[in-house]
Amino acid sequence: MNTLKKQKGFVLVVLALLLVVLIGFLALAVDIGVLYSARTSAQEVADAAALAGAFTFINDTQSPQPQTASSNALQVALNNSVLGQPVAAADVNVNVDVANRRVAVDVQSTQNTYFARALGVQTANVGVEAVAEAAANSTGTACAKPWFIPNTVFGAGGACAACAANQVLISGGQVTAFGQSKIGQQFTLRSQIPSSAIAPGQFYAIRLPGSSGANDYRNNIATCANAYVRCGDFYSTENGNMVGPTKQGVNDLIGNPSTDTWTGTVGRYLTSYGFSDTSKNIAVAPVWDACGTAGFCPSGNFPSGSATVRIIGFAAFFLDGIQGNDLVAHLINVSSCGASGTPGDTGGTVLSIPLRLVRTR
């Protein structure tokens, strides 16, 4: 009888120990699964915040750094949640490397446990980091508008006089101080009167790969062309004034009248949804190396027939629309192809500049 009682007591002890072990495995399976989901959610928040911060180096070059990048990154993080829990400012740490145009975002999240509480573990912390950067130079773009912008577009006294005075957007593979000073200013993308043509039949239109004629030209204004315009490459001009296709393509893109408005501040536009840092009026076009084109200066003679232009960078702009005889825009950003003039960076491009996550953990 005593032996039977001892055996029953032994079974109860073993069963209790097994229950502890089973609860431990259950906690391991359920709680670690929840924490893994929380980590994934926190990583998505950190990624989005880092990219938003780095994006300011592209679309808002006039506002002070690192304050602008840090503020945008923090705001995006606070607009999100981790497994339904709102992200608090105390959970986010933002570091901005202005010289390298990098933004690092750390996100912390404290999650309640479930079965692990039986083992005395009430909460667990999750921490992640994301680092995003906006590259220093352009590579190219898959959404260029079919115009080539002279490097001397803001120069005085004509293109060749601007070359001599170094009144250019890009020089020596770098965006010039002169070019930076023109951010936010309005300029003429193309005039539609013959007296303003760069040569007879030449109205600063570029023939994008796979496109030809007025219909493709109009569609390439209204939409993103199915072509990648690369740094350093040569492209043929699209001859003809094409007044009608220009107006139709622009109206298709921005509306007639335009639903979005230039507010006078780069990076802040009034749209039909309120103020925003993006707009459908924002577009990008290649910058043409007027000063480096053989035979162009000092005479300023541009071929009236078939011609080619070399791309040395890109200009991002807010397209205001057609005013009188001119297609006008406000300059948002200028990016150079670099000293070599050929693509070197990789990654997805925003307004021709690679914007990417470079390290996460």
Protein backbone atom coordinates (compact mmCIF):
# COMPACT_ATOMS: atom_id res chain seq x y z
CA MET A 1 0.00 0.00 0.00
CA ASN A 2 2.82 2.40 0.86
CA THR A 3 4.48 1.58 -2.44
CA LEU A 4 1.32 2.46 -4.34
CA LYS A 5 1.05 5.80 -2.54
CA LYS A 6 4.69 6.58 -3.32
CA GLN A 7 4.11 5.78 -6.99
CA LYS A 8 1.08 8.09 -7.09
CA GLY A 9 3.10 10.90 -5.55
CA PHE A 10 5.91 10.36 -8.03
CA VAL A 11 3.48 10.55 -10.97
CA LEU A 12 2.04 13.82 -9.68
CA VAL A 13 5.51 15.33 -9.36
CA VAL A 14 6.48 14.21 -12.86
CA LEU A 15 3.19 15.48 -14.26
CA ALA A 16 3.74 18.88 -12.64
CA LEU A 17 7.23 19.07 -14.06
CA LEU A 18 5.97 18.09 -17.49
CA LEU A 19 3.30 20.78 -17.34
CA VAL A 20 5.98 23.38 -16.65
CA VAL A 21 7.99 22.09 -19.59
CA LEU A 22 4.91 22.07 -21.86
CA ILE A 23 4.02 25.62 -20.84
CA GLY A 24 7.59 26.60 -21.59
CA PHE A 25 7.40 25.12 -25.08
CA LEU A 26 4.00 26.76 -25.60
CA ALA A 27 5.44 30.09 -24.54
CA LEU A 28 8.35 29.52 -26.89
CA ALA A 29 6.04 28.75 -29.80
CA VAL A 30 3.36 31.39 -29.25
CA ASP A 31 5.22 34.28 -27.67
CA ILE A 32 8.28 34.04 -29.90
CA GLY A 33 5.94 33.92 -32.90
CA VAL A 34 4.24 37.08 -31.68
CA LEU A 35 7.58 38.77 -31.03
CA TYR A 36 8.80 37.79 -34.49
CA SER A 37 5.68 39.40 -35.98
CA ALA A 38 6.30 42.49 -33.85
CA ARG A 39 9.87 42.66 -35.08
CA THR A 40 8.71 42.45 -38.70
CA SER A 41 6.17 45.21 -38.10
CA ALA A 42 8.74 47.39 -36.34
CA GLN A 43 11.20 46.85 -39.20
CA GLU A 44 8.61 48.07 -41.70
CA VAL A 45 8.10 51.21 -39.60
CA ALA A 46 11.85 51.82 -39.40
CA ASP A 47 12.30 51.23 -43.15
CA ALA A 48 9.53 53.67 -44.06
CA ALA A 49 10.83 56.31 -41.65
CA ALA A 50 14.43 56.03 -42.88
CA LEU A 51 13.37 56.31 -46.52
CA ALA A 52 11.18 59.32 -45.72
CA GLY A 53 14.10 61.04 -44.04
CA ALA A 54 16.51 60.31 -46.90
CA PHE A 55 13.90 61.46 -49.42
CA THR A 56 14.22 65.01 -48.12
CA PHE A 57 17.73 65.20 -49.61
CA ILE A 58 16.05 64.80 -53.01
CA ASN A 59 12.79 66.72 -52.90
CA ASP A 60 13.57 69.46 -50.38
CA THR A 61 17.08 70.75 -50.92
CA GLN A 62 16.37 74.21 -49.49
CA SER A 63 15.33 73.29 -45.94
CA PRO A 64 18.03 72.95 -43.26
CA GLN A 65 19.57 69.58 -42.54
CA PRO A 66 19.68 67.46 -40.45
CA GLN A 67 16.50 68.92 -38.95
CA THR A 68 14.36 68.29 -42.04
CA ALA A 69 15.37 64.66 -42.50
CA SER A 70 15.05 63.94 -38.78
CA SER A 71 11.63 65.58 -38.52
CA ASN A 72 10.23 63.74 -41.55
CA ALA A 73 11.58 60.40 -40.41
CA LEU A 74 10.14 60.82 -36.92
CA GLN A 75 6.76 61.92 -38.24
CA VAL A 76 6.44 58.88 -40.49
CA ALA A 77 7.36 56.59 -37.60
CA LEU A 78 4.77 58.23 -35.32
CA ASN A 79 2.10 57.79 -38.01
CA ASN A 80 2.52 54.02 -37.80
CA SER A 81 2.02 51.26 -35.25
CA VAL A 82 3.57 47.95 -34.23
CA LEU A 83 0.95 45.19 -33.93
CA GLY A 84 -1.71 47.78 -33.26
CA GLN A 85 0.31 49.70 -30.67
CA PRO A 86 0.98 53.32 -31.74
CA VAL A 87 4.66 54.21 -31.99
CA ALA A 88 5.65 56.83 -29.42
CA ALA A 89 8.39 59.42 -29.82
CA ALA A 90 10.34 57.77 -27.01
CA ASP A 91 10.43 54.56 -29.06
CA VAL A 92 12.22 56.20 -32.01
CA ASN A 93 15.79 57.38 -32.41
CA VAL A 94 16.86 59.15 -35.63
CA ASN A 95 20.44 59.87 -36.69
CA VAL A 96 21.23 61.85 -39.85
CA ASP A 97 24.56 61.72 -41.68
CA VAL A 98 24.30 64.85 -43.82
CA ALA A 99 27.61 64.37 -45.62
CA ASN A 100 26.61 60.92 -46.89
CA ARG A 101 22.87 61.75 -47.15
CA ARG A 102 22.04 58.83 -44.87
CA VAL A 103 19.32 58.47 -42.27
CA ALA A 104 19.36 55.76 -39.58
CA VAL A 105 16.19 55.02 -37.61
CA ASP A 106 16.00 52.80 -34.52
CA VAL A 107 12.56 51.65 -33.39
CA GLN A 108 11.92 49.97 -30.02
CA SER A 109 8.70 48.23 -29.03
CA THR A 110 7.66 46.60 -25.76
CA GLN A 111 5.26 43.70 -26.27
CA ASN A 112 3.16 41.88 -23.69
CA THR A 113 3.67 38.13 -23.45
CA TYR A 114 0.96 35.49 -23.17
CA PHE A 115 1.93 32.02 -21.98
CA ALA A 116 5.37 33.19 -20.86
CA ARG A 117 3.65 35.02 -17.99
CA ALA A 118 3.28 31.67 -16.27
CA LEU A 119 7.07 31.64 -16.12
CA GLY A 120 7.24 35.18 -14.77
CA VAL A 121 8.05 36.92 -18.06
CA GLN A 122 5.50 39.73 -18.44
CA THR A 123 6.95 41.70 -21.39
CA ALA A 124 9.66 41.48 -24.02
CA ASN A 125 11.46 44.21 -25.94
CA VAL A 126 11.92 44.29 -29.71
CA GLY A 127 14.49 46.56 -31.36
CA VAL A 128 15.27 47.14 -35.05
CA GLU A 129 17.28 49.56 -37.19
CA ALA A 130 17.00 50.76 -40.77
CA VAL A 131 19.46 52.90 -42.74
CA ALA A 132 18.47 54.63 -45.97
CA GLU A 133 20.43 56.91 -48.27
CA ALA A 134 19.93 59.20 -51.21
CA ALA A 135 22.90 58.74 -53.51
CA ALA A 136 25.01 61.75 -54.39
CA ASN A 137 24.69 61.33 -58.17
CA SER A 138 22.10 60.36 -60.74
CA THR A 139 22.03 57.10 -62.62
CA GLY A 140 19.05 57.58 -64.90
CA THR A 141 15.28 57.47 -64.83
CA ALA A 142 12.47 55.39 -66.24
CA CYS A 143 10.05 58.32 -66.19
CA ALA A 144 11.80 61.16 -68.03
CA LYS A 145 9.70 63.70 -69.88
CA PRO A 146 10.65 64.15 -73.55
CA TRP A 147 12.52 67.44 -73.19
CA PHE A 148 16.22 68.21 -72.86
CA ILE A 149 17.04 71.10 -70.54
CA PRO A 150 20.16 73.12 -71.42
CA ASN A 151 22.81 73.21 -68.73
CA THR A 152 22.69 76.98 -69.31
CA VAL A 153 18.91 77.39 -68.92
CA PHE A 154 19.34 80.07 -66.20
CA GLY A 155 22.31 81.80 -67.81
CA ALA A 156 22.27 85.36 -69.08
CA GLY A 157 23.12 86.43 -72.64
CA GLY A 158 22.60 83.08 -74.36
CA ALA A 159 24.03 79.62 -73.90
CA CYS A 160 27.61 80.34 -74.95
CA ALA A 161 27.86 83.45 -72.80
CA ALA A 162 26.56 81.39 -69.88
CA CYS A 163 29.20 78.72 -70.54
CA ALA A 164 31.94 81.35 -70.48
CA ALA A 165 30.60 82.81 -67.23
CA ASN A 166 30.09 79.34 -65.70
CA GLN A 167 26.41 80.11 -65.21
CA VAL A 168 25.56 76.45 -65.54
CA LEU A 169 23.65 73.89 -63.48
CA ILE A 170 26.39 71.25 -63.59
CA SER A 171 30.16 71.59 -63.96
CA GLY A 172 32.94 69.07 -63.47
CA GLY A 173 30.47 66.36 -62.54
CA GLN A 174 29.01 68.41 -59.68
CA VAL A 175 25.96 70.61 -59.24
CA THR A 176 27.25 74.18 -59.08
CA ALA A 177 26.53 76.81 -56.45
CA PHE A 178 24.89 78.76 -59.28
CA GLY A 179 22.59 75.79 -59.95
CA GLN A 180 21.76 75.42 -56.26
CA SER A 181 20.86 79.09 -56.09
CA LYS A 182 18.20 78.58 -58.77
CA ILE A 183 16.23 75.98 -56.81
CA GLY A 184 12.65 77.22 -56.49
CA GLN A 185 12.87 79.61 -59.43
CA GLN A 186 10.59 79.49 -62.44
CA PHE A 187 12.03 78.84 -65.90
CA THR A 188 10.88 78.07 -69.44
CA LEU A 189 11.07 74.40 -70.34
CA ARG A 190 10.33 75.12 -73.98
CA SER A 191 8.91 78.00 -75.95
CA GLN A 192 6.39 77.35 -78.70
CA ILE A 193 7.25 80.28 -80.94
CA PRO A 194 9.71 79.77 -83.81
CA SER A 195 11.87 82.75 -82.83
CA SER A 196 12.71 80.99 -79.55
CA ALA A 197 13.70 77.67 -81.11
CA ILE A 198 17.31 76.59 -80.54
CA ALA A 199 17.48 75.96 -84.31
CA PRO A 200 14.88 75.75 -87.09
CA GLY A 201 12.50 72.94 -86.07
CA GLN A 202 14.32 72.32 -82.76
CA PHE A 203 12.21 73.02 -79.65
CA TYR A 204 14.20 71.19 -76.96
CA ALA A 205 12.33 67.90 -77.48
CA ILE A 206 14.18 64.60 -77.06
CA ARG A 207 13.31 61.32 -78.73
CA LEU A 208 13.03 58.74 -75.99
CA PRO A 209 14.05 55.15 -76.83
CA GLY A 210 11.31 53.28 -78.62
CA SER A 211 9.34 56.46 -79.41
CA SER A 212 8.90 58.49 -82.54
CA GLY A 213 6.50 61.17 -83.72
CA ALA A 214 3.96 63.49 -82.17
CA ASN A 215 1.67 60.82 -80.72
CA ASP A 216 4.46 59.13 -78.75
CA TYR A 217 5.74 62.55 -77.71
CA ARG A 218 2.34 63.45 -76.27
CA ASN A 219 1.98 60.10 -74.46
CA ASN A 220 5.46 60.44 -72.98
CA ILE A 221 4.44 63.75 -71.43
CA ALA A 222 1.18 62.40 -70.04
CA THR A 223 2.61 59.12 -68.73
CA CYS A 224 5.91 57.43 -67.95
CA ALA A 225 7.58 56.29 -71.13
CA ASN A 226 8.55 52.64 -71.37
CA ALA A 227 12.22 53.59 -71.61
CA TYR A 228 15.17 54.16 -69.30
CA VAL A 229 17.17 57.33 -69.92
CA ARG A 230 20.75 56.74 -68.79
CA CYS A 231 23.44 59.08 -67.62
CA GLY A 232 26.16 59.74 -70.16
CA ASP A 233 24.21 58.41 -73.14
CA PHE A 234 23.47 60.31 -76.35
CA TYR A 235 19.87 60.78 -77.50
CA SER A 236 18.38 62.09 -80.73
CA THR A 237 16.23 65.19 -80.81
CA GLU A 238 12.56 65.09 -81.76
CA ASN A 239 12.11 67.74 -84.42
CA GLY A 240 9.03 69.91 -84.91
CA ASN A 241 7.15 72.46 -82.83
CA MET A 242 4.30 70.11 -81.84
CA VAL A 243 2.24 72.82 -80.14
CA GLY A 244 -0.90 70.72 -79.97
CA PRO A 245 0.72 67.50 -78.63
CA THR A 246 2.61 69.50 -76.00
CA LYS A 247 -0.55 71.17 -74.70
CA GLN A 248 -2.55 67.94 -74.80
CA GLY A 249 0.12 65.92 -73.01
CA VAL A 250 0.60 68.57 -70.31
CA ASN A 251 -3.15 68.89 -69.72
CA ASP A 252 -3.48 65.10 -69.50
CA LEU A 253 -0.73 65.05 -66.87
CA ILE A 254 -1.64 67.96 -64.57
CA GLY A 255 -5.25 68.73 -65.53
CA ASN A 256 -6.79 71.74 -67.16
CA PRO A 257 -6.75 73.72 -64.99
CA SER A 258 -4.17 72.00 -62.85
CA THR A 259 -5.50 70.54 -59.60
CA ASP A 260 -2.12 71.03 -57.86
CA THR A 261 -0.53 74.39 -57.11
CA TRP A 262 2.98 75.68 -56.53
CA THR A 263 3.04 77.24 -53.06
CA GLY A 264 6.37 79.02 -53.32
CA THR A 265 8.11 76.44 -51.15
CA VAL A 266 10.05 73.46 -52.47
CA GLY A 267 8.75 70.23 -50.94
CA ARG A 268 5.33 71.62 -50.06
CA TYR A 269 2.60 71.60 -52.71
CA LEU A 270 -1.13 72.22 -52.52
CA THR A 271 -2.94 69.24 -54.00
CA SER A 272 -6.59 68.19 -54.14
CA TYR A 273 -5.88 66.19 -50.93
CA GLY A 274 -4.28 69.10 -49.07
CA PHE A 275 -0.64 70.01 -48.60
CA SER A 276 1.84 67.33 -49.64
CA ASP A 277 5.54 66.80 -50.32
CA THR A 278 4.68 65.12 -53.65
CA SER A 279 2.50 66.06 -56.60
CA LYS A 280 1.53 64.74 -60.02
CA ASN A 281 3.00 67.99 -61.38
CA ILE A 282 6.50 66.90 -60.35
CA ALA A 283 8.49 65.56 -63.28
CA VAL A 284 12.07 65.05 -64.36
CA ALA A 285 13.92 65.70 -67.61
CA PRO A 286 17.55 65.21 -68.65
CA VAL A 287 20.07 68.05 -68.61
CA TRP A 288 21.95 68.55 -71.88
CA ASP A 289 25.66 69.37 -71.93
CA ALA A 290 25.46 72.54 -74.00
CA CYS A 291 28.98 73.68 -73.07
CA GLY A 292 30.56 70.34 -73.92
CA THR A 293 28.91 69.92 -77.32
CA ALA A 294 31.62 70.13 -80.00
CA GLY A 295 31.14 73.04 -82.38
CA PHE A 296 28.21 74.57 -80.51
CA CYS A 297 30.16 77.44 -78.96
CA PRO A 298 31.23 80.13 -79.59
CA SER A 299 28.81 80.43 -82.50
CA GLY A 300 25.88 78.81 -80.71
CA ASN A 301 24.85 77.01 -83.87
CA PHE A 302 22.69 73.95 -83.16
CA PRO A 303 21.94 71.55 -86.04
CA SER A 304 18.53 72.20 -87.56
CA GLY A 305 18.19 68.63 -88.78
CA SER A 306 18.95 65.42 -86.95
CA ALA A 307 21.01 66.07 -83.81
CA THR A 308 22.10 64.27 -80.70
CA VAL A 309 22.43 65.54 -77.14
CA ARG A 310 24.49 64.06 -74.28
CA ILE A 311 22.98 63.67 -70.83
CA ILE A 312 25.08 64.96 -67.90
CA GLY A 313 22.38 65.06 -65.23
CA PHE A 314 18.71 65.54 -64.52
CA ALA A 315 16.47 68.36 -63.39
CA ALA A 316 13.37 67.78 -61.29
CA PHE A 317 10.68 70.43 -61.57
CA PHE A 318 7.12 71.35 -60.70
CA LEU A 319 5.27 71.70 -63.99
CA ASP A 320 3.18 74.87 -63.86
CA GLY A 321 1.75 74.42 -67.36
CA ILE A 322 1.54 76.47 -70.51
CA GLN A 323 1.55 80.22 -69.93
CA GLY A 324 1.16 82.24 -73.10
CA ASN A 325 3.58 80.72 -75.61
CA ASP A 326 5.80 79.03 -73.06
CA LEU A 327 5.78 75.81 -71.09
CA VAL A 328 7.02 76.84 -67.64
CA ALA A 329 8.04 75.09 -64.45
CA HIS A 330 9.69 75.68 -61.08
CA LEU A 331 13.04 73.99 -60.47
CA ILE A 332 13.00 71.53 -57.55
CA ASN A 333 16.34 69.78 -57.77
CA VAL A 334 19.38 69.25 -59.99
CA SER A 335 21.43 66.06 -59.93
CA SER A 336 24.67 65.30 -61.73
CA CYS A 337 25.79 62.07 -63.37
CA GLY A 338 29.12 62.51 -61.59
CA ALA A 339 32.63 63.13 -62.85
CA SER A 340 32.65 60.08 -65.11
CA GLY A 341 29.28 60.97 -66.59
CA THR A 342 28.19 57.34 -66.46
CA PRO A 343 26.02 55.46 -63.96
CA GLY A 344 27.83 54.09 -60.94
CA ASP A 345 25.18 53.68 -58.24
CA THR A 346 22.44 51.09 -58.17
CA GLY A 347 19.04 50.91 -56.56
CA GLY A 348 15.56 52.22 -57.18
CA THR A 349 15.56 55.81 -58.38
CA VAL A 350 13.40 58.72 -57.24
CA LEU A 351 13.61 61.71 -59.57
CA SER A 352 16.68 60.00 -61.14
CA ILE A 353 18.55 59.62 -57.81
CA PRO A 354 18.93 56.18 -56.19
CA LEU A 355 16.99 56.10 -52.92
CA ARG A 356 17.53 52.83 -51.09
CA LEU A 357 17.85 50.95 -47.86
CA VAL A 358 21.52 50.17 -47.37
CA ARG A 359 21.51 48.25 -44.12
CA THR A 360 18.90 46.75 -41.82
CA ARG A 361 19.07 44.51 -38.83
